[in-house]
C-alpha atoms as a PDB file:
ATOM      1  CA  MET A   1      20.105  46.672 -35.071  1.00  0.00           C
ATOM      2  CA  THR A   2      16.971  47.373 -33.602  1.00  0.00           C
ATOM      3  CA  ALA A   3      16.522  44.482 -30.611  1.00  0.00           C
ATOM      4  CA  SER A   4      12.543  43.093 -31.588  1.00  0.00           C
ATOM      5  CA  PRO A   5       9.235  43.713 -29.696  1.00  0.00           C
ATOM      6  CA  LEU A   6       9.195  41.542 -26.588  1.00  0.00           C
ATOM      7  CA  GLU A   7       6.063  39.339 -26.127  1.00  0.00           C
ATOM      8  CA  PRO A   8       3.434  39.947 -24.298  1.00  0.00           C
ATOM      9  CA  ILE A   9       4.336  36.441 -21.926  1.00  0.00           C
ATOM     10  CA  ASP A  10       8.053  37.761 -21.976  1.00  0.00           C
ATOM     11  CA  ARG A  11       7.260  41.579 -20.221  1.00  0.00           C
ATOM     12  CA  ALA A  12       5.302  39.292 -17.645  1.00  0.00           C
ATOM     13  CA  ILE A  13       8.294  37.353 -17.074  1.00  0.00           C
ATOM     14  CA  LEU A  14      10.293  40.466 -17.120  1.00  0.00           C
ATOM     15  CA  ARG A  15       7.262  42.056 -14.902  1.00  0.00           C
ATOM     16  CA  GLU A  16       7.402  39.113 -12.574  1.00  0.00           C
ATOM     17  CA  LEU A  17      11.240  39.361 -11.727  1.00  0.00           C
ATOM     18  CA  THR A  18      12.033  42.750 -11.615  1.00  0.00           C
ATOM     19  CA  VAL A  19       9.436  42.080  -8.471  1.00  0.00           C
ATOM     20  CA  ASP A  20      11.218  39.092  -7.381  1.00  0.00           C
ATOM     21  CA  GLY A  21      14.355  38.047  -8.884  1.00  0.00           C
ATOM     22  CA  ARG A  22      14.956  35.066  -7.110  1.00  0.00           C
ATOM     23  CA  CYS A  23      11.758  33.443  -7.307  1.00  0.00           C
ATOM     24  CA  SER A  24      11.208  29.680  -8.655  1.00  0.00           C
ATOM     25  CA  PHE A  25      10.449  28.966 -11.822  1.00  0.00           C
ATOM     26  CA  THR A  26       7.589  27.575 -10.196  1.00  0.00           C
ATOM     27  CA  ASP A  27       6.920  30.631  -8.615  1.00  0.00           C
ATOM     28  CA  LEU A  28       7.474  32.172 -12.167  1.00  0.00           C
ATOM     29  CA  ALA A  29       5.474  29.810 -14.464  1.00  0.00           C
ATOM     30  CA  GLU A  30       2.068  29.452 -11.387  1.00  0.00           C
ATOM     31  CA  ARG A  31       2.211  33.397 -11.833  1.00  0.00           C
ATOM     32  CA  VAL A  32       2.484  33.906 -15.341  1.00  0.00           C
ATOM     33  CA  GLY A  33       0.201  31.254 -16.394  1.00  0.00           C
ATOM     34  CA  LEU A  34       3.023  29.252 -18.177  1.00  0.00           C
ATOM     35  CA  SER A  35       4.612  25.268 -17.457  1.00  0.00           C
ATOM     36  CA  VAL A  36       7.884  25.422 -15.670  1.00  0.00           C
ATOM     37  CA  SER A  37       9.683  23.952 -18.701  1.00  0.00           C
ATOM     38  CA  ALA A  38       7.952  26.736 -20.934  1.00  0.00           C
ATOM     39  CA  VAL A  39       9.096  29.635 -18.882  1.00  0.00           C
ATOM     40  CA  HIS A  40      12.063  27.858 -17.786  1.00  0.00           C
ATOM     41  CA  GLN A  41      13.477  27.984 -21.447  1.00  0.00           C
ATOM     42  CA  ARG A  42      11.716  32.217 -21.604  1.00  0.00           C
ATOM     43  CA  VAL A  43      14.208  33.366 -19.062  1.00  0.00           C
ATOM     44  CA  ARG A  44      17.505  31.482 -20.658  1.00  0.00           C
ATOM     45  CA  ARG A  45      16.655  33.034 -24.129  1.00  0.00           C
ATOM     46  CA  LEU A  46      15.484  36.415 -22.457  1.00  0.00           C
ATOM     47  CA  GLU A  47      19.262  35.560 -20.367  1.00  0.00           C
ATOM     48  CA  ALA A  48      20.107  34.682 -24.366  1.00  0.00           C
ATOM     49  CA  ARG A  49      19.302  37.662 -26.463  1.00  0.00           C
ATOM     50  CA  GLY A  50      20.403  40.300 -23.293  1.00  0.00           C
ATOM     51  CA  VAL A  51      17.100  41.039 -21.820  1.00  0.00           C
ATOM     52  CA  LEU A  52      17.719  40.424 -19.045  1.00  0.00           C
ATOM     53  CA  LYS A  53      21.694  41.184 -17.921  1.00  0.00           C
ATOM     54  CA  GLY A  54      21.504  39.921 -14.787  1.00  0.00           C
ATOM     55  CA  TYR A  55      20.624  38.613 -10.710  1.00  0.00           C
ATOM     56  CA  ALA A  56      21.568  41.409  -8.459  1.00  0.00           C
ATOM     57  CA  ALA A  57      21.475  41.553  -4.485  1.00  0.00           C
ATOM     58  CA  VAL A  58      20.553  45.237  -2.860  1.00  0.00           C
ATOM     59  CA  LEU A  59      22.241  46.441  -0.251  1.00  0.00           C
ATOM     60  CA  ASP A  60      21.662  49.039   2.291  1.00  0.00           C
ATOM     61  CA  GLY A  61      24.304  51.796   2.114  1.00  0.00           C
ATOM     62  CA  GLU A  62      23.770  52.847   5.491  1.00  0.00           C
ATOM     63  CA  GLN A  63      23.707  48.765   6.763  1.00  0.00           C
ATOM     64  CA  ILE A  64      27.367  48.175   4.876  1.00  0.00           C
ATOM     65  CA  GLY A  65      29.420  51.637   6.788  1.00  0.00           C
ATOM     66  CA  LEU A  66      28.064  53.622   3.268  1.00  0.00           C
ATOM     67  CA  PRO A  67      25.643  56.246   4.508  1.00  0.00           C
ATOM     68  CA  LEU A  68      26.788  58.880   1.964  1.00  0.00           C
ATOM     69  CA  THR A  69      24.759  58.645  -2.300  1.00  0.00           C
ATOM     70  CA  ALA A  70      26.680  61.628  -3.722  1.00  0.00           C
ATOM     71  CA  PHE A  71      26.256  62.520  -7.508  1.00  0.00           C
ATOM     72  CA  ILE A  72      29.304  63.946  -9.746  1.00  0.00           C
ATOM     73  CA  SER A  73      29.406  65.505 -13.092  1.00  0.00           C
ATOM     74  CA  LEU A  74      33.414  65.054 -14.831  1.00  0.00           C
ATOM     75  CA  THR A  75      33.860  67.638 -16.751  1.00  0.00           C
ATOM     76  CA  PRO A  76      37.427  68.137 -18.944  1.00  0.00           C
ATOM     77  CA  ILE A  77      39.540  70.934 -18.981  1.00  0.00           C
ATOM     78  CA  ASP A  78      40.718  69.964 -21.752  1.00  0.00           C
ATOM     79  CA  PRO A  79      38.159  69.084 -24.721  1.00  0.00           C
ATOM     80  CA  ALA A  80      40.996  67.846 -27.026  1.00  0.00           C
ATOM     81  CA  ALA A  81      41.804  64.718 -24.236  1.00  0.00           C
ATOM     82  CA  PRO A  82      40.991  61.911 -25.283  1.00  0.00           C
ATOM     83  CA  ASP A  83      37.816  60.498 -24.285  1.00  0.00           C
ATOM     84  CA  ASP A  84      38.743  57.762 -21.250  1.00  0.00           C
ATOM     85  CA  TYR A  85      37.595  58.600 -18.132  1.00  0.00           C
ATOM     86  CA  PRO A  86      35.614  55.796 -17.641  1.00  0.00           C
ATOM     87  CA  GLN A  87      38.753  53.669 -18.104  1.00  0.00           C
ATOM     88  CA  ARG A  88      41.148  55.723 -15.727  1.00  0.00           C
ATOM     89  CA  LEU A  89      38.197  55.793 -12.914  1.00  0.00           C
ATOM     90  CA  GLU A  90      37.022  51.766 -13.499  1.00  0.00           C
ATOM     91  CA  HIS A  91      39.340  50.458 -10.086  1.00  0.00           C
ATOM     92  CA  LEU A  92      37.641  53.039  -7.474  1.00  0.00           C
ATOM     93  CA  THR A  93      35.372  51.506  -6.131  1.00  0.00           C
ATOM     94  CA  GLN A  94      33.722  53.711  -4.840  1.00  0.00           C
ATOM     95  CA  ILE A  95      31.545  54.300  -8.250  1.00  0.00           C
ATOM     96  CA  GLU A  96      29.047  52.193  -8.384  1.00  0.00           C
ATOM     97  CA  ALA A  97      27.586  53.556 -12.316  1.00  0.00           C
ATOM     98  CA  CYS A  98      28.950  55.658 -14.171  1.00  0.00           C
ATOM     99  CA  TYR A  99      26.989  57.621 -17.482  1.00  0.00           C
ATOM    100  CA  SER A 100      27.516  59.217 -20.545  1.00  0.00           C
ATOM    101  CA  VAL A 101      25.685  62.489 -20.311  1.00  0.00           C
ATOM    102  CA  ALA A 102      24.922  65.346 -22.999  1.00  0.00           C
ATOM    103  CA  GLY A 103      25.336  68.894 -22.312  1.00  0.00           C
ATOM    104  CA  ASP A 104      27.905  71.013 -20.092  1.00  0.00           C
ATOM    105  CA  ALA A 105      29.687  67.438 -18.774  1.00  0.00           C
ATOM    106  CA  SER A 106      30.449  64.663 -20.843  1.00  0.00           C
ATOM    107  CA  TYR A 107      29.878  61.642 -17.268  1.00  0.00           C
ATOM    108  CA  VAL A 108      27.964  61.674 -14.031  1.00  0.00           C
ATOM    109  CA  VAL A 109      29.320  59.905 -11.327  1.00  0.00           C
ATOM    110  CA  LYS A 110      27.022  57.791  -8.853  1.00  0.00           C
ATOM    111  CA  VAL A 111      29.143  57.245  -5.663  1.00  0.00           C
ATOM    112  CA  ARG A 112      29.549  55.907  -2.112  1.00  0.00           C
ATOM    113  CA  VAL A 113      31.333  56.741   0.719  1.00  0.00           C
ATOM    114  CA  ALA A 114      31.814  56.220   3.990  1.00  0.00           C
ATOM    115  CA  GLY A 115      31.498  60.089   4.430  1.00  0.00           C
ATOM    116  CA  PRO A 116      32.047  63.910   4.063  1.00  0.00           C
ATOM    117  CA  THR A 117      35.819  63.457   4.351  1.00  0.00           C
ATOM    118  CA  ALA A 118      35.989  60.073   1.608  1.00  0.00           C
ATOM    119  CA  LEU A 119      34.162  61.829  -0.179  1.00  0.00           C
ATOM    120  CA  GLU A 120      36.174  64.633  -0.667  1.00  0.00           C
ATOM    121  CA  GLU A 121      39.654  62.167  -1.117  1.00  0.00           C
ATOM    122  CA  LEU A 122      37.467  60.450  -3.700  1.00  0.00           C
ATOM    123  CA  LEU A 123      36.964  64.035  -5.607  1.00  0.00           C
ATOM    124  CA  ARG A 124      40.588  64.773  -5.778  1.00  0.00           C
ATOM    125  CA  GLN A 125      41.255  60.783  -6.572  1.00  0.00           C
ATOM    126  CA  ILE A 126      38.856  62.518  -9.775  1.00  0.00           C
ATOM    127  CA  ARG A 127      40.152  65.048 -10.298  1.00  0.00           C
ATOM    128  CA  GLU A 128      44.066  63.611 -10.668  1.00  0.00           C
ATOM    129  CA  LEU A 129      43.130  60.639 -12.439  1.00  0.00           C
ATOM    130  CA  ALA A 130      41.247  61.799 -15.116  1.00  0.00           C
ATOM    131  CA  HIS A 131      42.343  65.641 -15.654  1.00  0.00           C
ATOM    132  CA  VAL A 132      38.715  66.772 -15.356  1.00  0.00           C
ATOM    133  CA  SER A 133      36.605  69.497 -13.542  1.00  0.00           C
ATOM    134  CA  THR A 134      34.058  68.193 -10.704  1.00  0.00           C
ATOM    135  CA  ARG A 135      30.481  69.174  -9.229  1.00  0.00           C
ATOM    136  CA  THR A 136      29.432  67.471  -6.505  1.00  0.00           C
ATOM    137  CA  THR A 137      25.576  67.111  -5.867  1.00  0.00           C
ATOM    138  CA  VAL A 138      24.696  64.869  -2.675  1.00  0.00           C
ATOM    139  CA  VAL A 139      22.577  62.782  -1.759  1.00  0.00           C
ATOM    140  CA  LEU A 140      20.089  63.737   0.735  1.00  0.00           C
ATOM    141  CA  SER A 141      17.516  60.891   1.278  1.00  0.00           C
ATOM    142  CA  THR A 142      16.089  58.310  -1.893  1.00  0.00           C
ATOM    143  CA  PRO A 143      12.567  58.045  -1.744  1.00  0.00           C
ATOM    144  CA  TYR A 144      12.312  55.510  -4.144  1.00  0.00           C
ATOM    145  CA  GLU A 145      15.709  53.700  -6.398  1.00  0.00           C
ATOM    146  CA  ASP A 146      16.220  51.225  -8.777  1.00  0.00           C
ATOM    147  CA  ARG A 147      12.498  50.986  -9.565  1.00  0.00           C
ATOM    148  CA  PRO A 148      11.243  48.428 -12.653  1.00  0.00           C
ATOM    149  CA  PRO A 149      10.287  49.523 -16.303  1.00  0.00           C
ATOM    150  CA  GLY A 150       6.978  50.421 -16.764  1.00  0.00           C
ATOM    151  CA  LEU A 151       6.483  46.846 -18.606  1.00  0.00           C
END
């Protein structure tokens, strides 16, 4: 089923919310040129459709003691094994995101940890729990991240 296209005013609302997800309905209405009640109704409709999936605080990894970010590619050791890696690993809180990918690897996970020793321990856990081989890319710096889509 294909999602219905977004109206220009809905795109404007989404653009504003990606810049400031905490702005009030009054501010949002002013920015997009609608009444507060019209904006409120449109936001609720976007939420109900699943276009707006939620609102979240963005944390600074350095400030919370998790300065090391890495991407870990997971490749099955046995290609006939069940494809249940996300379920096997979902309890590992160091995994911030899990992506099913095309190519040699089946999945790529994004992790945040306290340092190299913690990364090494996490890799051991992943290999043991999922029965996969891993390839790790450590992030040296992040010029930008979580950019809003071009609406």
